[in-house]
C-alpha atoms as a PDB file:
ATOM      1  CA  MET A   1      87.360  97.490 121.689  1.00  0.00           C
ATOM      2  CA  PHE A   2      86.715  93.808 121.141  1.00  0.00           C
ATOM      3  CA  VAL A   3      86.453  90.496 122.958  1.00  0.00           C
ATOM      4  CA  ALA A   4      88.600  87.578 121.540  1.00  0.00           C
ATOM      5  CA  ALA A   5      90.022  84.243 122.136  1.00  0.00           C
ATOM      6  CA  ALA A   6      93.622  83.549 120.942  1.00  0.00           C
ATOM      7  CA  PRO A   7      94.894  80.267 119.700  1.00  0.00           C
ATOM      8  CA  PRO A   8      97.993  79.090 121.568  1.00  0.00           C
ATOM      9  CA  ALA A   9     101.490  79.559 120.131  1.00  0.00           C
ATOM     10  CA  GLY A  10     101.592  75.975 118.815  1.00  0.00           C
ATOM     11  CA  ALA A  11      98.375  76.398 116.804  1.00  0.00           C
ATOM     12  CA  ARG A  12      99.553  79.692 115.384  1.00  0.00           C
ATOM     13  CA  ALA A  13     102.948  78.257 114.442  1.00  0.00           C
ATOM     14  CA  SER A  14     101.316  75.332 112.640  1.00  0.00           C
ATOM     15  CA  LEU A  15      99.158  77.647 110.547  1.00  0.00           C
ATOM     16  CA  ALA A  16     102.046  80.058 109.932  1.00  0.00           C
ATOM     17  CA  ALA A  17     104.024  77.133 108.539  1.00  0.00           C
ATOM     18  CA  ALA A  18     101.154  76.141 106.258  1.00  0.00           C
ATOM     19  CA  LEU A  19     100.945  79.727 104.971  1.00  0.00           C
ATOM     20  CA  GLU A  20     104.609  80.087 104.284  1.00  0.00           C
ATOM     21  CA  PRO A  21     104.237  79.053 100.581  1.00  0.00           C
ATOM     22  CA  LEU A  22     101.643  81.632 100.069  1.00  0.00           C
ATOM     23  CA  ARG A  23     103.381  84.606 101.693  1.00  0.00           C
ATOM     24  CA  GLU A  24     105.118  85.825  98.535  1.00  0.00           C
ATOM     25  CA  ALA A  25     102.553  84.500  96.002  1.00  0.00           C
ATOM     26  CA  PRO A  26     101.373  87.009  93.344  1.00  0.00           C
ATOM     27  CA  GLY A  27      98.141  88.511  94.520  1.00  0.00           C
ATOM     28  CA  ALA A  28      98.612  87.624  98.151  1.00  0.00           C
ATOM     29  CA  PRO A  29      97.031  89.932 100.796  1.00  0.00           C
ATOM     30  CA  ARG A  30      98.905  91.924 103.377  1.00  0.00           C
ATOM     31  CA  TRP A  31      99.433  89.280 106.006  1.00  0.00           C
ATOM     32  CA  GLY A  32      98.724  89.863 109.658  1.00  0.00           C
ATOM     33  CA  ASP A  33     101.312  89.149 112.444  1.00  0.00           C
ATOM     34  CA  PRO A  34     100.766  85.656 113.773  1.00  0.00           C
ATOM     35  CA  ALA A  35     101.454  86.910 117.279  1.00  0.00           C
ATOM     36  CA  ARG A  36      98.289  89.037 117.012  1.00  0.00           C
ATOM     37  CA  TRP A  37      95.980  86.459 115.430  1.00  0.00           C
ATOM     38  CA  HIS A  38      92.750  86.026 117.419  1.00  0.00           C
ATOM     39  CA  LEU A  39      89.138  84.937 117.057  1.00  0.00           C
ATOM     40  CA  THR A  40      86.913  87.976 117.550  1.00  0.00           C
ATOM     41  CA  LEU A  41      83.859  86.993 119.598  1.00  0.00           C
ATOM     42  CA  LEU A  42      82.466  90.498 119.817  1.00  0.00           C
ATOM     43  CA  PHE A  43      83.560  93.784 118.103  1.00  0.00           C
ATOM     44  CA  LEU A  44      82.448  96.933 119.865  1.00  0.00           C
ATOM     45  CA  GLY A  45      84.437  99.798 118.450  1.00  0.00           C
ATOM     46  CA  ALA A  46      84.815 102.790 120.822  1.00  0.00           C
ATOM     47  CA  VAL A  47      83.390 102.286 124.300  1.00  0.00           C
ATOM     48  CA  PRO A  48      82.820 105.273 126.582  1.00  0.00           C
ATOM     49  CA  PRO A  49      85.257 105.078 129.517  1.00  0.00           C
ATOM     50  CA  GLU A  50      82.489 105.313 132.030  1.00  0.00           C
ATOM     51  CA  LEU A  51      81.027 102.030 130.660  1.00  0.00           C
ATOM     52  CA  LEU A  52      84.316 100.121 130.854  1.00  0.00           C
ATOM     53  CA  PRO A  53      83.831  98.771 134.526  1.00  0.00           C
ATOM     54  CA  GLY A  54      80.303  97.522 133.649  1.00  0.00           C
ATOM     55  CA  LEU A  55      81.541  96.035 130.415  1.00  0.00           C
ATOM     56  CA  THR A  56      84.349  94.250 132.181  1.00  0.00           C
ATOM     57  CA  ALA A  57      82.050  92.707 134.721  1.00  0.00           C
ATOM     58  CA  ALA A  58      79.494  91.778 132.001  1.00  0.00           C
ATOM     59  CA  VAL A  59      82.146  90.074 129.863  1.00  0.00           C
ATOM     60  CA  GLY A  60      83.338  88.095 132.915  1.00  0.00           C
ATOM     61  CA  ALA A  61      79.746  87.047 133.744  1.00  0.00           C
ATOM     62  CA  ALA A  62      79.183  85.923 130.094  1.00  0.00           C
ATOM     63  CA  VAL A  63      82.347  83.808 130.104  1.00  0.00           C
ATOM     64  CA  VAL A  64      81.591  81.999 133.478  1.00  0.00           C
ATOM     65  CA  PRO A  65      78.983  79.501 131.990  1.00  0.00           C
ATOM     66  CA  THR A  66      81.302  78.495 129.079  1.00  0.00           C
ATOM     67  CA  PRO A  67      81.821  74.809 129.200  1.00  0.00           C
ATOM     68  CA  PRO A  68      85.114  73.289 128.223  1.00  0.00           C
ATOM     69  CA  ALA A  69      85.633  73.363 124.498  1.00  0.00           C
ATOM     70  CA  THR A  70      88.236  72.201 122.007  1.00  0.00           C
ATOM     71  CA  LEU A  71      88.942  74.092 118.843  1.00  0.00           C
ATOM     72  CA  ARG A  72      91.098  73.674 115.815  1.00  0.00           C
ATOM     73  CA  LEU A  73      92.016  75.959 112.939  1.00  0.00           C
ATOM     74  CA  ALA A  74      90.877  74.280 109.750  1.00  0.00           C
ATOM     75  CA  GLY A  75      90.611  75.269 106.010  1.00  0.00           C
ATOM     76  CA  ALA A  76      90.502  78.829 104.747  1.00  0.00           C
ATOM     77  CA  GLY A  77      88.286  81.127 102.839  1.00  0.00           C
ATOM     78  CA  ARG A  78      87.687  84.746 101.910  1.00  0.00           C
ATOM     79  CA  PHE A  79      85.196  87.461 102.540  1.00  0.00           C
ATOM     80  CA  GLY A  80      84.302  89.615  99.587  1.00  0.00           C
ATOM     81  CA  PRO A  81      83.610  88.739  96.030  1.00  0.00           C
ATOM     82  CA  ARG A  82      85.948  86.794  93.812  1.00  0.00           C
ATOM     83  CA  ARG A  83      86.740  89.859  91.749  1.00  0.00           C
ATOM     84  CA  ARG A  84      87.384  91.991  94.763  1.00  0.00           C
ATOM     85  CA  PRO A  85      88.345  89.792  97.809  1.00  0.00           C
ATOM     86  CA  GLN A  86      88.759  91.645 101.019  1.00  0.00           C
ATOM     87  CA  VAL A  87      89.769  89.182 103.877  1.00  0.00           C
ATOM     88  CA  PHE A  88      91.738  85.941 103.850  1.00  0.00           C
ATOM     89  CA  TRP A  89      90.642  83.870 106.866  1.00  0.00           C
ATOM     90  CA  ALA A  90      91.253  80.503 108.481  1.00  0.00           C
ATOM     91  CA  GLY A  91      88.283  78.525 109.586  1.00  0.00           C
ATOM     92  CA  VAL A  92      87.516  77.099 113.017  1.00  0.00           C
ATOM     93  CA  ASP A  93      86.483  73.465 113.709  1.00  0.00           C
ATOM     94  CA  GLY A  94      85.684  71.600 116.841  1.00  0.00           C
ATOM     95  CA  ASP A  95      83.284  72.777 119.541  1.00  0.00           C
ATOM     96  CA  VAL A  96      82.134  75.725 117.470  1.00  0.00           C
ATOM     97  CA  GLY A  97      78.663  75.662 119.065  1.00  0.00           C
ATOM     98  CA  VAL A  98      80.242  76.525 122.382  1.00  0.00           C
ATOM     99  CA  LEU A  99      81.961  79.422 120.722  1.00  0.00           C
ATOM    100  CA  ALA A 100      78.849  80.697 119.122  1.00  0.00           C
ATOM    101  CA  GLU A 101      76.894  80.480 122.389  1.00  0.00           C
ATOM    102  CA  LEU A 102      79.599  82.445 124.080  1.00  0.00           C
ATOM    103  CA  ALA A 103      79.577  85.136 121.317  1.00  0.00           C
ATOM    104  CA  GLY A 104      75.789  85.332 121.771  1.00  0.00           C
ATOM    105  CA  ARG A 105      76.099  85.816 125.462  1.00  0.00           C
ATOM    106  CA  LEU A 106      78.729  88.505 125.003  1.00  0.00           C
ATOM    107  CA  ALA A 107      76.517  90.328 122.477  1.00  0.00           C
ATOM    108  CA  GLY A 108      73.628  90.203 124.911  1.00  0.00           C
ATOM    109  CA  ALA A 109      75.805  91.612 127.706  1.00  0.00           C
ATOM    110  CA  ALA A 110      76.936  94.511 125.565  1.00  0.00           C
ATOM    111  CA  ARG A 111      73.415  95.291 124.434  1.00  0.00           C
ATOM    112  CA  GLY A 112      72.347  95.248 128.098  1.00  0.00           C
ATOM    113  CA  LEU A 113      74.822  98.139 128.657  1.00  0.00           C
ATOM    114  CA  GLY A 114      73.371 100.019 125.720  1.00  0.00           C
ATOM    115  CA  LEU A 115      76.364  99.471 123.517  1.00  0.00           C
ATOM    116  CA  PRO A 116      75.636  99.007 119.795  1.00  0.00           C
ATOM    117  CA  VAL A 117      76.247  95.402 118.554  1.00  0.00           C
ATOM    118  CA  GLY A 118      76.073  94.499 114.834  1.00  0.00           C
ATOM    119  CA  ASP A 119      73.334  92.130 113.631  1.00  0.00           C
ATOM    120  CA  ARG A 120      75.609  89.900 111.500  1.00  0.00           C
ATOM    121  CA  PRO A 121      75.553  86.285 112.432  1.00  0.00           C
ATOM    122  CA  PHE A 122      78.714  85.053 114.238  1.00  0.00           C
ATOM    123  CA  ARG A 123      81.059  83.332 111.767  1.00  0.00           C
ATOM    124  CA  PRO A 124      84.104  82.160 113.745  1.00  0.00           C
ATOM    125  CA  HIS A 125      87.230  82.734 111.705  1.00  0.00           C
ATOM    126  CA  LEU A 126      90.794  83.951 112.142  1.00  0.00           C
ATOM    127  CA  THR A 127      91.721  86.855 109.879  1.00  0.00           C
ATOM    128  CA  LEU A 128      95.084  86.098 108.294  1.00  0.00           C
ATOM    129  CA  GLY A 129      95.374  88.987 105.881  1.00  0.00           C
ATOM    130  CA  ARG A 130      93.570  91.719 103.986  1.00  0.00           C
ATOM    131  CA  TRP A 131      93.788  92.533 100.303  1.00  0.00           C
ATOM    132  CA  ASP A 132      94.442  96.108  99.311  1.00  0.00           C
ATOM    133  CA  PRO A 133      91.663  97.095  96.825  1.00  0.00           C
ATOM    134  CA  ARG A 134      94.215  99.060  94.765  1.00  0.00           C
ATOM    135  CA  ARG A 135      96.349  95.998  94.013  1.00  0.00           C
ATOM    136  CA  PRO A 136      95.746  92.748  92.067  1.00  0.00           C
ATOM    137  CA  ALA A 137      94.355  90.060  94.217  1.00  0.00           C
ATOM    138  CA  ASP A 138      94.334  86.238  93.832  1.00  0.00           C
ATOM    139  CA  ALA A 139      90.951  85.151  95.357  1.00  0.00           C
ATOM    140  CA  ASP A 140      91.921  81.530  94.803  1.00  0.00           C
ATOM    141  CA  LEU A 141      94.761  81.537  97.386  1.00  0.00           C
ATOM    142  CA  PRO A 142      92.448  80.405 100.304  1.00  0.00           C
ATOM    143  CA  GLY A 143      91.623  77.319  98.341  1.00  0.00           C
ATOM    144  CA  ARG A 144      95.254  76.159  98.711  1.00  0.00           C
ATOM    145  CA  LEU A 145      94.574  75.797 102.445  1.00  0.00           C
ATOM    146  CA  SER A 146      91.308  73.873 102.079  1.00  0.00           C
ATOM    147  CA  GLY A 147      92.859  70.667 103.462  1.00  0.00           C
ATOM    148  CA  TYR A 148      94.645  72.347 106.379  1.00  0.00           C
ATOM    149  CA  ARG A 149      93.846  70.939 109.826  1.00  0.00           C
ATOM    150  CA  GLY A 150      95.731  72.332 112.749  1.00  0.00           C
ATOM    151  CA  PRO A 151      96.218  70.946 116.181  1.00  0.00           C
ATOM    152  CA  ASP A 152      93.338  70.794 118.706  1.00  0.00           C
ATOM    153  CA  TRP A 153      93.572  73.421 121.395  1.00  0.00           C
ATOM    154  CA  PRO A 154      91.361  74.098 124.489  1.00  0.00           C
ATOM    155  CA  LEU A 155      89.421  77.367 124.766  1.00  0.00           C
ATOM    156  CA  ALA A 156      90.979  78.401 128.032  1.00  0.00           C
ATOM    157  CA  GLU A 157      90.667  82.152 128.092  1.00  0.00           C
ATOM    158  CA  VAL A 158      88.796  85.122 126.668  1.00  0.00           C
ATOM    159  CA  THR A 159      90.195  88.637 126.644  1.00  0.00           C
ATOM    160  CA  LEU A 160      88.699  92.089 126.570  1.00  0.00           C
ATOM    161  CA  VAL A 161      90.960  94.225 124.337  1.00  0.00           C
ATOM    162  CA  ARG A 162      91.280  97.931 123.685  1.00  0.00           C
ATOM    163  CA  SER A 163      92.366  98.621 120.138  1.00  0.00           C
ATOM    164  CA  ALA A 164      93.730 102.071 119.181  1.00  0.00           C
ATOM    165  CA  ALA A 165      96.008 103.196 116.408  1.00  0.00           C
ATOM    166  CA  GLY A 166      96.716  99.634 115.344  1.00  0.00           C
ATOM    167  CA  ARG A 167      97.811  98.632 118.821  1.00  0.00           C
ATOM    168  CA  HIS A 168      96.031  96.030 120.994  1.00  0.00           C
ATOM    169  CA  GLU A 169      95.982  96.467 124.806  1.00  0.00           C
ATOM    170  CA  PRO A 170      94.573  93.576 126.797  1.00  0.00           C
ATOM    171  CA  LEU A 171      92.382  95.056 129.563  1.00  0.00           C
ATOM    172  CA  ALA A 172      91.078  91.920 131.251  1.00  0.00           C
ATOM    173  CA  ALA A 173      91.289  88.163 130.769  1.00  0.00           C
ATOM    174  CA  PHE A 174      88.666  85.612 131.891  1.00  0.00           C
ATOM    175  CA  ALA A 175      89.301  81.803 132.222  1.00  0.00           C
ATOM    176  CA  THR A 176      86.650  79.468 130.899  1.00  0.00           C
ATOM    177  CA  ARG A 177      85.223  76.851 133.194  1.00  0.00           C
ATOM    178  CA  ARG A 178      87.595  74.053 133.996  1.00  0.00           C
ATOM    179  CA  THR A 179      86.977  70.210 133.927  1.00  0.00           C
ATOM    180  CA  PRO A 180      87.099  68.299 137.227  1.00  0.00           C
ATOM    181  CA  SER A 181      90.763  67.447 136.355  1.00  0.00           C
ATOM    182  CA  GLY A 182      91.577  71.163 136.445  1.00  0.00           C
ATOM    183  CA  ARG A 183      92.273  71.224 132.675  1.00  0.00           C
ATOM    184  CA  PRO A 184      90.349  73.659 130.427  1.00  0.00           C
END
């Protein structure tokens, strides 16, 4: 189970177009489906069914104080060493502080329910692909997107998602706070 925010279709399409020249490059990772791209704000793994109602309420309460924020996908990088890269990711620009504060509130809410939460610092990113450790990998590919800057998009919604057998099932969506004009 995880909590995520998804870039809108236009932001995903812009990044997918920028990635197109890299898709068949030697040493490229296995690319993820752009329709499933999301920013993970909190990863929980398996959650006992009896905790799901409390978790849903806690996620909603953590999202309520989120002020309006504008984000943008920008640049790229990798997790893992140069000799054995693991994850190819796109970076996030804009109101990242708002996103980090939200991730912190979500982690606190999960801990309050007794759910285990990792201690890694929050690093906002969008996973684009994963390298197979048994195949040659070009760790320099993310550098080819270093100048990428996607369109701005409002952080409008956060979703609680169940993940099982490679499938994602949205369980609940929570709108972020709106500006006086009604826009996110």
